[in-house]
Each structure stands twice: as structure tokens, then as C-alpha cells.
Amino acid sequence: MKTKIIYLTQKEVNKGIQITVNYYVEIEEENHKVCWIEYPQVPEGMHFKKADEYGWGIEYYKKKQSFQDFIKSPSYEIPKEIYKTLIELIS
């Protein structure tokens, strides 16, 4: 089973267009890994083919860490309450 938790959502300007990007952590229990993922959302009203040209609407796996490495030092900064929740889930 995989659990995903969003740790940051922010607006960014990309290619001159404002988009929303979700950053989340996915826990891969079977592999004992934590995956860091970026998901730029397709702007409302944009055709999916145009969004595909820009690389939006696709999950980007930025990095994977073992549970042990994550517990010692997460690769990216996350809020403490989310870190505590993730530690509970992987313990």
C-alpha cells in the first residue's frame, strides 16, 4: 500500500502561466522507501495536450530515500507536524 501526504502547495509562474504545484511524500511500505514527488497541476481550462507539452499534470519523482535515511535527515524541508505523522506511519 502507498500513502501520499501533501507537504506543500504553492503557486508558481511557469512558461508565463500561473500554475499550482503540489509537493508530496509517498510512502512505499513494501520497499521501505519514501518518495519525494512534485505534481504541477493543469491550469483550469487548458487542454490536456497543451498541458502535456509543458509537462504539467504528471507526477515527477524527485528523490527516493530509505526509511532510515528519512528518519535521520529528510531530503527536503517539511513541516514538523507532517514529519511526525510520517514517522508514525513508517514505524
PDB file of N, CA and C in Angstrom:
ATOM      1  N   MET A   1       0.833  -1.189   0.000  1.00  0.00           N
ATOM      2  CA  MET A   1       0.000   0.000   0.000  1.00  0.00           C
ATOM      3  C   MET A   1       0.876   1.251   0.000  1.00  0.00           C
ATOM      4  N   LYS A   2       0.455   2.260  -0.743  1.00  0.00           N
ATOM      5  CA  LYS A   2       1.186   3.518  -0.795  1.00  0.00           C
ATOM      6  C   LYS A   2       0.336   4.618  -0.167  1.00  0.00           C
ATOM      7  N   THR A   3       0.973   5.413   0.669  1.00  0.00           N
ATOM      8  CA  THR A   3       0.316   6.541   1.317  1.00  0.00           C
ATOM      9  C   THR A   3       0.961   7.817   0.806  1.00  0.00           C
ATOM     10  N   LYS A   4       0.138   8.792   0.396  1.00  0.00           N
ATOM     11  CA  LYS A   4       0.649  10.071  -0.084  1.00  0.00           C
ATOM     12  C   LYS A   4       0.179  11.182   0.847  1.00  0.00           C
ATOM     13  N   ILE A   5       1.113  12.068   1.199  1.00  0.00           N
ATOM     14  CA  ILE A   5       0.788  13.214   2.047  1.00  0.00           C
ATOM     15  C   ILE A   5       1.378  14.471   1.412  1.00  0.00           C
ATOM     16  N   ILE A   6       0.510  15.449   1.139  1.00  0.00           N
ATOM     17  CA  ILE A   6       0.973  16.728   0.593  1.00  0.00           C
ATOM     18  C   ILE A   6       1.619  17.523   1.723  1.00  0.00           C
ATOM     19  N   TYR A   7       2.846  18.000   1.483  1.00  0.00           N
ATOM     20  CA  TYR A   7       3.512  18.815   2.499  1.00  0.00           C
ATOM     21  C   TYR A   7       3.632  20.280   2.086  1.00  0.00           C
ATOM     22  N   LEU A   8       3.352  20.574   0.812  1.00  0.00           N
ATOM     23  CA  LEU A   8       3.433  21.959   0.352  1.00  0.00           C
ATOM     24  C   LEU A   8       2.614  22.107  -0.927  1.00  0.00           C
ATOM     25  N   THR A   9       1.835  23.166  -1.000  1.00  0.00           N
ATOM     26  CA  THR A   9       1.134  23.552  -2.225  1.00  0.00           C
ATOM     27  C   THR A   9       1.440  25.017  -2.441  1.00  0.00           C
ATOM     28  N   GLN A  10       1.913  25.341  -3.645  1.00  0.00           N
ATOM     29  CA  GLN A  10       2.223  26.741  -3.904  1.00  0.00           C
ATOM     30  C   GLN A  10       1.937  27.101  -5.351  1.00  0.00           C
ATOM     31  N   LYS A  11       1.727  28.391  -5.557  1.00  0.00           N
ATOM     32  CA  LYS A  11       1.526  28.939  -6.899  1.00  0.00           C
ATOM     33  C   LYS A  11       2.898  29.284  -7.468  1.00  0.00           C
ATOM     34  N   GLU A  12       3.102  28.953  -8.728  1.00  0.00           N
ATOM     35  CA  GLU A  12       4.347  29.272  -9.409  1.00  0.00           C
ATOM     36  C   GLU A  12       4.019  29.784 -10.803  1.00  0.00           C
ATOM     37  N   VAL A  13       4.892  30.623 -11.338  1.00  0.00           N
ATOM     38  CA  VAL A  13       4.756  31.050 -12.727  1.00  0.00           C
ATOM     39  C   VAL A  13       5.724  30.203 -13.536  1.00  0.00           C
ATOM     40  N   ASN A  14       5.164  29.492 -14.502  1.00  0.00           N
ATOM     41  CA  ASN A  14       5.949  28.579 -15.328  1.00  0.00           C
ATOM     42  C   ASN A  14       5.552  28.830 -16.774  1.00  0.00           C
ATOM     43  N   LYS A  15       6.528  29.163 -17.598  1.00  0.00           N
ATOM     44  CA  LYS A  15       6.286  29.466 -19.009  1.00  0.00           C
ATOM     45  C   LYS A  15       5.279  30.614 -19.163  1.00  0.00           C
ATOM     46  N   GLY A  16       5.339  31.555 -18.221  1.00  0.00           N
ATOM     47  CA  GLY A  16       4.479  32.726 -18.257  1.00  0.00           C
ATOM     48  C   GLY A  16       3.053  32.494 -17.786  1.00  0.00           C
ATOM     49  N   ILE A  17       2.764  31.305 -17.273  1.00  0.00           N
ATOM     50  CA  ILE A  17       1.419  30.954 -16.823  1.00  0.00           C
ATOM     51  C   ILE A  17       1.480  30.576 -15.349  1.00  0.00           C
ATOM     52  N   GLN A  18       0.524  31.091 -14.562  1.00  0.00           N
ATOM     53  CA  GLN A  18       0.491  30.729 -13.142  1.00  0.00           C
ATOM     54  C   GLN A  18      -0.133  29.350 -12.985  1.00  0.00           C
ATOM     55  N   ILE A  19       0.584  28.471 -12.287  1.00  0.00           N
ATOM     56  CA  ILE A  19       0.091  27.120 -12.030  1.00  0.00           C
ATOM     57  C   ILE A  19       0.202  26.819 -10.538  1.00  0.00           C
ATOM     58  N   THR A  20      -0.510  25.802 -10.108  1.00  0.00           N
ATOM     59  CA  THR A  20      -0.420  25.306  -8.738  1.00  0.00           C
ATOM     60  C   THR A  20       0.405  24.033  -8.762  1.00  0.00           C
ATOM     61  N   VAL A  21       1.362  23.957  -7.853  1.00  0.00           N
ATOM     62  CA  VAL A  21       2.217  22.775  -7.766  1.00  0.00           C
ATOM     63  C   VAL A  21       2.053  22.158  -6.381  1.00  0.00           C
ATOM     64  N   ASN A  22       1.753  20.867  -6.356  1.00  0.00           N
ATOM     65  CA  ASN A  22       1.687  20.120  -5.101  1.00  0.00           C
ATOM     66  C   ASN A  22       2.992  19.360  -4.923  1.00  0.00           C
ATOM     67  N   TYR A  23       3.524  19.415  -3.716  1.00  0.00           N
ATOM     68  CA  TYR A  23       4.706  18.639  -3.357  1.00  0.00           C
ATOM     69  C   TYR A  23       4.254  17.644  -2.302  1.00  0.00           C
ATOM     70  N   TYR A  24       4.532  16.390  -2.528  1.00  0.00           N
ATOM     71  CA  TYR A  24       4.102  15.417  -1.541  1.00  0.00           C
ATOM     72  C   TYR A  24       5.094  14.287  -1.379  1.00  0.00           C
ATOM     73  N   VAL A  25       4.891  13.567  -0.293  1.00  0.00           N
ATOM     74  CA  VAL A  25       5.710  12.416   0.059  1.00  0.00           C
ATOM     75  C   VAL A  25       4.834  11.185  -0.100  1.00  0.00           C
ATOM     76  N   GLU A  26       5.393  10.169  -0.718  1.00  0.00           N
ATOM     77  CA  GLU A  26       4.692   8.897  -0.881  1.00  0.00           C
ATOM     78  C   GLU A  26       5.484   7.832  -0.130  1.00  0.00           C
ATOM     79  N   ILE A  27       4.801   7.087   0.713  1.00  0.00           N
ATOM     80  CA  ILE A  27       5.451   6.022   1.478  1.00  0.00           C
ATOM     81  C   ILE A  27       5.228   4.702   0.757  1.00  0.00           C
ATOM     82  N   GLU A  28       6.328   4.049   0.389  1.00  0.00           N
ATOM     83  CA  GLU A  28       6.272   2.721  -0.225  1.00  0.00           C
ATOM     84  C   GLU A  28       6.626   1.704   0.854  1.00  0.00           C
ATOM     85  N   GLU A  29       5.607   1.193   1.508  1.00  0.00           N
ATOM     86  CA  GLU A  29       5.834   0.277   2.628  1.00  0.00           C
ATOM     87  C   GLU A  29       6.563  -0.993   2.202  1.00  0.00           C
ATOM     88  N   GLU A  30       6.192  -1.536   1.041  1.00  0.00           N
ATOM     89  CA  GLU A  30       6.791  -2.804   0.603  1.00  0.00           C
ATOM     90  C   GLU A  30       8.282  -2.680   0.289  1.00  0.00           C
ATOM     91  N   ASN A  31       8.719  -1.473  -0.131  1.00  0.00           N
ATOM     92  CA  ASN A  31      10.137  -1.242  -0.446  1.00  0.00           C
ATOM     93  C   ASN A  31      10.879  -0.502   0.663  1.00  0.00           C
ATOM     94  N   HIS A  32      10.155  -0.099   1.699  1.00  0.00           N
ATOM     95  CA  HIS A  32      10.729   0.688   2.800  1.00  0.00           C
ATOM     96  C   HIS A  32      11.401   1.956   2.280  1.00  0.00           C
ATOM     97  N   LYS A  33      10.667   2.657   1.409  1.00  0.00           N
ATOM     98  CA  LYS A  33      11.182   3.881   0.797  1.00  0.00           C
ATOM     99  C   LYS A  33      10.202   5.030   0.988  1.00  0.00           C
ATOM    100  N   VAL A  34      10.753   6.232   1.003  1.00  0.00           N
ATOM    101  CA  VAL A  34       9.981   7.466   0.990  1.00  0.00           C
ATOM    102  C   VAL A  34      10.314   8.153  -0.329  1.00  0.00           C
ATOM    103  N   CYS A  35       9.286   8.470  -1.119  1.00  0.00           N
ATOM    104  CA  CYS A  35       9.472   9.122  -2.415  1.00  0.00           C
ATOM    105  C   CYS A  35       9.034  10.581  -2.316  1.00  0.00           C
ATOM    106  N   TRP A  36       9.846  11.461  -2.852  1.00  0.00           N
ATOM    107  CA  TRP A  36       9.531  12.884  -2.902  1.00  0.00           C
ATOM    108  C   TRP A  36       9.008  13.177  -4.301  1.00  0.00           C
ATOM    109  N   ILE A  37       7.789  13.721  -4.377  1.00  0.00           N
ATOM    110  CA  ILE A  37       7.123  13.885  -5.663  1.00  0.00           C
ATOM    111  C   ILE A  37       6.641  15.323  -5.838  1.00  0.00           C
ATOM    112  N   GLU A  38       6.765  15.800  -7.072  1.00  0.00           N
ATOM    113  CA  GLU A  38       6.271  17.119  -7.459  1.00  0.00           C
ATOM    114  C   GLU A  38       5.172  16.908  -8.498  1.00  0.00           C
ATOM    115  N   TYR A  39       4.055  17.607  -8.333  1.00  0.00           N
ATOM    116  CA  TYR A  39       2.941  17.470  -9.269  1.00  0.00           C
ATOM    117  C   TYR A  39       2.430  18.846  -9.691  1.00  0.00           C
ATOM    118  N   PRO A  40       2.875  19.332 -10.870  1.00  0.00           N
ATOM    119  CA  PRO A  40       2.336  20.589 -11.380  1.00  0.00           C
ATOM    120  C   PRO A  40       0.951  20.347 -11.985  1.00  0.00           C
ATOM    121  N   GLN A  41      -0.051  21.012 -11.436  1.00  0.00           N
ATOM    122  CA  GLN A  41      -1.426  20.803 -11.889  1.00  0.00           C
ATOM    123  C   GLN A  41      -1.678  21.490 -13.229  1.00  0.00           C
ATOM    124  N   VAL A  42      -2.589  20.919 -13.980  1.00  0.00           N
ATOM    125  CA  VAL A  42      -3.012  21.525 -15.241  1.00  0.00           C
ATOM    126  C   VAL A  42      -3.891  22.732 -14.906  1.00  0.00           C
ATOM    127  N   PRO A  43      -3.559  23.913 -15.446  1.00  0.00           N
ATOM    128  CA  PRO A  43      -4.404  25.080 -15.179  1.00  0.00           C
ATOM    129  C   PRO A  43      -5.827  24.863 -15.697  1.00  0.00           C
ATOM    130  N   GLU A  44      -6.784  25.395 -14.962  1.00  0.00           N
ATOM    131  CA  GLU A  44      -8.187  25.246 -15.342  1.00  0.00           C
ATOM    132  C   GLU A  44      -8.412  25.818 -16.739  1.00  0.00           C
ATOM    133  N   GLY A  45      -9.103  25.061 -17.561  1.00  0.00           N
ATOM    134  CA  GLY A  45      -9.432  25.499 -18.911  1.00  0.00           C
ATOM    135  C   GLY A  45      -8.384  25.171 -19.959  1.00  0.00           C
ATOM    136  N   MET A  46      -7.221  24.703 -19.537  1.00  0.00           N
ATOM    137  CA  MET A  46      -6.176  24.363 -20.505  1.00  0.00           C
ATOM    138  C   MET A  46      -6.423  22.958 -21.055  1.00  0.00           C
ATOM    139  N   HIS A  47      -6.260  22.806 -22.351  1.00  0.00           N
ATOM    140  CA  HIS A  47      -6.422  21.498 -22.992  1.00  0.00           C
ATOM    141  C   HIS A  47      -5.300  20.574 -22.531  1.00  0.00           C
ATOM    142  N   PHE A  48      -5.633  19.299 -22.314  1.00  0.00           N
ATOM    143  CA  PHE A  48      -4.652  18.353 -21.781  1.00  0.00           C
ATOM    144  C   PHE A  48      -3.445  18.184 -22.702  1.00  0.00           C
ATOM    145  N   LYS A  49      -3.629  18.348 -24.010  1.00  0.00           N
ATOM    146  CA  LYS A  49      -2.489  18.206 -24.936  1.00  0.00           C
ATOM    147  C   LYS A  49      -1.487  19.343 -24.746  1.00  0.00           C
ATOM    148  N   LYS A  50      -1.991  20.550 -24.544  1.00  0.00           N
ATOM    149  CA  LYS A  50      -1.109  21.691 -24.300  1.00  0.00           C
ATOM    150  C   LYS A  50      -0.394  21.513 -22.960  1.00  0.00           C
ATOM    151  N   ALA A  51      -1.127  21.076 -21.953  1.00  0.00           N
ATOM    152  CA  ALA A  51      -0.519  20.833 -20.640  1.00  0.00           C
ATOM    153  C   ALA A  51       0.563  19.766 -20.749  1.00  0.00           C
ATOM    154  N   ASP A  52       0.325  18.760 -21.562  1.00  0.00           N
ATOM    155  CA  ASP A  52       1.306  17.694 -21.762  1.00  0.00           C
ATOM    156  C   ASP A  52       2.586  18.236 -22.396  1.00  0.00           C
ATOM    157  N   GLU A  53       2.452  19.181 -23.319  1.00  0.00           N
ATOM    158  CA  GLU A  53       3.626  19.811 -23.942  1.00  0.00           C
ATOM    159  C   GLU A  53       4.495  20.499 -22.889  1.00  0.00           C
ATOM    160  N   TYR A  54       3.850  21.096 -21.888  1.00  0.00           N
ATOM    161  CA  TYR A  54       4.567  21.803 -20.827  1.00  0.00           C
ATOM    162  C   TYR A  54       5.037  20.875 -19.707  1.00  0.00           C
ATOM    163  N   GLY A  55       4.569  19.638 -19.722  1.00  0.00           N
ATOM    164  CA  GLY A  55       4.948  18.702 -18.662  1.00  0.00           C
ATOM    165  C   GLY A  55       4.120  18.853 -17.403  1.00  0.00           C
ATOM    166  N   TRP A  56       2.923  19.389 -17.532  1.00  0.00           N
ATOM    167  CA  TRP A  56       2.038  19.581 -16.391  1.00  0.00           C
ATOM    168  C   TRP A  56       1.034  18.443 -16.330  1.00  0.00           C
ATOM    169  N   GLY A  57       0.544  18.151 -15.148  1.00  0.00           N
ATOM    170  CA  GLY A  57      -0.418  17.066 -14.972  1.00  0.00           C
ATOM    171  C   GLY A  57       0.252  15.704 -14.870  1.00  0.00           C
ATOM    172  N   ILE A  58       1.556  15.720 -14.580  1.00  0.00           N
ATOM    173  CA  ILE A  58       2.350  14.491 -14.485  1.00  0.00           C
ATOM    174  C   ILE A  58       3.120  14.518 -13.163  1.00  0.00           C
ATOM    175  N   GLU A  59       3.193  13.378 -12.490  1.00  0.00           N
ATOM    176  CA  GLU A  59       3.989  13.285 -11.260  1.00  0.00           C
ATOM    177  C   GLU A  59       5.466  13.155 -11.619  1.00  0.00           C
ATOM    178  N   TYR A  60       6.296  13.925 -10.937  1.00  0.00           N
ATOM    179  CA  TYR A  60       7.743  13.848 -11.108  1.00  0.00           C
ATOM    180  C   TYR A  60       8.353  13.333  -9.811  1.00  0.00           C
ATOM    181  N   TYR A  61       8.952  12.167  -9.875  1.00  0.00           N
ATOM    182  CA  TYR A  61       9.626  11.600  -8.711  1.00  0.00           C
ATOM    183  C   TYR A  61      10.993  12.258  -8.614  1.00  0.00           C
ATOM    184  N   LYS A  62      11.172  13.090  -7.601  1.00  0.00           N
ATOM    185  CA  LYS A  62      12.409  13.852  -7.455  1.00  0.00           C
ATOM    186  C   LYS A  62      13.507  13.064  -6.752  1.00  0.00           C
ATOM    187  N   LYS A  63      13.118  12.271  -5.765  1.00  0.00           N
ATOM    188  CA  LYS A  63      14.125  11.537  -4.999  1.00  0.00           C
ATOM    189  C   LYS A  63      13.452  10.439  -4.198  1.00  0.00           C
ATOM    190  N   LYS A  64      14.217   9.374  -3.925  1.00  0.00           N
ATOM    191  CA  LYS A  64      13.759   8.310  -3.026  1.00  0.00           C
ATOM    192  C   LYS A  64      14.761   8.188  -1.893  1.00  0.00           C
ATOM    193  N   GLN A  65      14.240   7.916  -0.703  1.00  0.00           N
ATOM    194  CA  GLN A  65      15.080   7.704   0.476  1.00  0.00           C
ATOM    195  C   GLN A  65      14.618   6.450   1.190  1.00  0.00           C
ATOM    196  N   SER A  66      15.562   5.778   1.820  1.00  0.00           N
ATOM    197  CA  SER A  66      15.177   4.666   2.692  1.00  0.00           C
ATOM    198  C   SER A  66      14.511   5.259   3.932  1.00  0.00           C
ATOM    199  N   PHE A  67      13.744   4.434   4.624  1.00  0.00           N
ATOM    200  CA  PHE A  67      13.113   4.902   5.859  1.00  0.00           C
ATOM    201  C   PHE A  67      14.170   5.421   6.834  1.00  0.00           C
ATOM    202  N   GLN A  68      15.286   4.694   6.961  1.00  0.00           N
ATOM    203  CA  GLN A  68      16.335   5.088   7.907  1.00  0.00           C
ATOM    204  C   GLN A  68      16.921   6.454   7.552  1.00  0.00           C
ATOM    205  N   ASP A  69      17.194   6.680   6.259  1.00  0.00           N
ATOM    206  CA  ASP A  69      17.734   7.975   5.841  1.00  0.00           C
ATOM    207  C   ASP A  69      16.733   9.103   6.072  1.00  0.00           C
ATOM    208  N   PHE A  70      15.460   8.814   5.804  1.00  0.00           N
ATOM    209  CA  PHE A  70      14.422   9.820   6.016  1.00  0.00           C
ATOM    210  C   PHE A  70      14.330  10.210   7.488  1.00  0.00           C
ATOM    211  N   ILE A  71      14.364   9.217   8.370  1.00  0.00           N
ATOM    212  CA  ILE A  71      14.273   9.490   9.807  1.00  0.00           C
ATOM    213  C   ILE A  71      15.446  10.357  10.261  1.00  0.00           C
ATOM    214  N   LYS A  72      16.651  10.064   9.760  1.00  0.00           N
ATOM    215  CA  LYS A  72      17.840  10.838  10.135  1.00  0.00           C
ATOM    216  C   LYS A  72      17.797  12.252   9.574  1.00  0.00           C
ATOM    217  N   SER A  73      17.471  12.352   8.277  1.00  0.00           N
ATOM    218  CA  SER A  73      17.526  13.649   7.613  1.00  0.00           C
ATOM    219  C   SER A  73      16.687  13.642   6.337  1.00  0.00           C
ATOM    220  N   PRO A  74      15.473  14.177   6.395  1.00  0.00           N
ATOM    221  CA  PRO A  74      14.655  14.237   5.180  1.00  0.00           C
ATOM    222  C   PRO A  74      15.362  15.053   4.086  1.00  0.00           C
ATOM    223  N   SER A  75      15.216  14.631   2.844  1.00  0.00           N
ATOM    224  CA  SER A  75      15.884  15.308   1.724  1.00  0.00           C
ATOM    225  C   SER A  75      15.407  16.740   1.515  1.00  0.00           C
ATOM    226  N   TYR A  76      14.156  17.007   1.847  1.00  0.00           N
ATOM    227  CA  TYR A  76      13.590  18.339   1.670  1.00  0.00           C
ATOM    228  C   TYR A  76      12.967  18.787   2.987  1.00  0.00           C
ATOM    229  N   GLU A  77      12.818  20.087   3.122  1.00  0.00           N
ATOM    230  CA  GLU A  77      12.236  20.639   4.346  1.00  0.00           C
ATOM    231  C   GLU A  77      10.727  20.419   4.346  1.00  0.00           C
ATOM    232  N   ILE A  78      10.226  19.884   5.449  1.00  0.00           N
ATOM    233  CA  ILE A  78       8.787  19.673   5.598  1.00  0.00           C
ATOM    234  C   ILE A  78       8.362  20.165   6.979  1.00  0.00           C
ATOM    235  N   PRO A  79       7.089  20.537   7.121  1.00  0.00           N
ATOM    236  CA  PRO A  79       6.606  20.973   8.440  1.00  0.00           C
ATOM    237  C   PRO A  79       6.767  19.864   9.485  1.00  0.00           C
ATOM    238  N   LYS A  80       7.056  20.260  10.719  1.00  0.00           N
ATOM    239  CA  LYS A  80       7.303  19.289  11.794  1.00  0.00           C
ATOM    240  C   LYS A  80       6.130  18.348  12.027  1.00  0.00           C
ATOM    241  N   GLU A  81       4.896  18.875  11.957  1.00  0.00           N
ATOM    242  CA  GLU A  81       3.734  18.019  12.208  1.00  0.00           C
ATOM    243  C   GLU A  81       3.586  16.947  11.125  1.00  0.00           C
ATOM    244  N   ILE A  82       3.931  17.278   9.895  1.00  0.00           N
ATOM    245  CA  ILE A  82       3.876  16.279   8.818  1.00  0.00           C
ATOM    246  C   ILE A  82       5.001  15.266   8.998  1.00  0.00           C
ATOM    247  N   TYR A  83       6.177  15.741   9.403  1.00  0.00           N
ATOM    248  CA  TYR A  83       7.295  14.832   9.672  1.00  0.00           C
ATOM    249  C   TYR A  83       6.899  13.821  10.751  1.00  0.00           C
ATOM    250  N   LYS A  84       6.283  14.302  11.826  1.00  0.00           N
ATOM    251  CA  LYS A  84       5.865  13.406  12.913  1.00  0.00           C
ATOM    252  C   LYS A  84       4.848  12.380  12.420  1.00  0.00           C
ATOM    253  N   THR A  85       3.902  12.818  11.599  1.00  0.00           N
ATOM    254  CA  THR A  85       2.905  11.898  11.032  1.00  0.00           C
ATOM    255  C   THR A  85       3.580  10.830  10.185  1.00  0.00           C
ATOM    256  N   LEU A  86       4.533  11.236   9.363  1.00  0.00           N
ATOM    257  CA  LEU A  86       5.243  10.278   8.507  1.00  0.00           C
ATOM    258  C   LEU A  86       6.052   9.283   9.334  1.00  0.00           C
ATOM    259  N   ILE A  87       6.681   9.749  10.389  1.00  0.00           N
ATOM    260  CA  ILE A  87       7.449   8.859  11.268  1.00  0.00           C
ATOM    261  C   ILE A  87       6.519   7.818  11.885  1.00  0.00           C
ATOM    262  N   GLU A  88       5.345   8.247  12.320  1.00  0.00           N
ATOM    263  CA  GLU A  88       4.369   7.298  12.885  1.00  0.00           C
ATOM    264  C   GLU A  88       3.954   6.261  11.849  1.00  0.00           C
ATOM    265  N   LEU A  89       3.772   6.683  10.612  1.00  0.00           N
ATOM    266  CA  LEU A  89       3.341   5.766   9.557  1.00  0.00           C
ATOM    267  C   LEU A  89       4.408   4.737   9.186  1.00  0.00           C
ATOM    268  N   ILE A  90       5.675   5.147   9.227  1.00  0.00           N
ATOM    269  CA  ILE A  90       6.727   4.207   8.810  1.00  0.00           C
ATOM    270  C   ILE A  90       7.283   3.381   9.966  1.00  0.00           C
ATOM    271  N   SER A  91       6.909   3.728  11.195  1.00  0.00           N
ATOM    272  CA  SER A  91       7.413   2.975  12.356  1.00  0.00           C
ATOM    273  C   SER A  91       6.605   1.716  12.587  1.00  0.00           C
TER     274      SER A  91
END
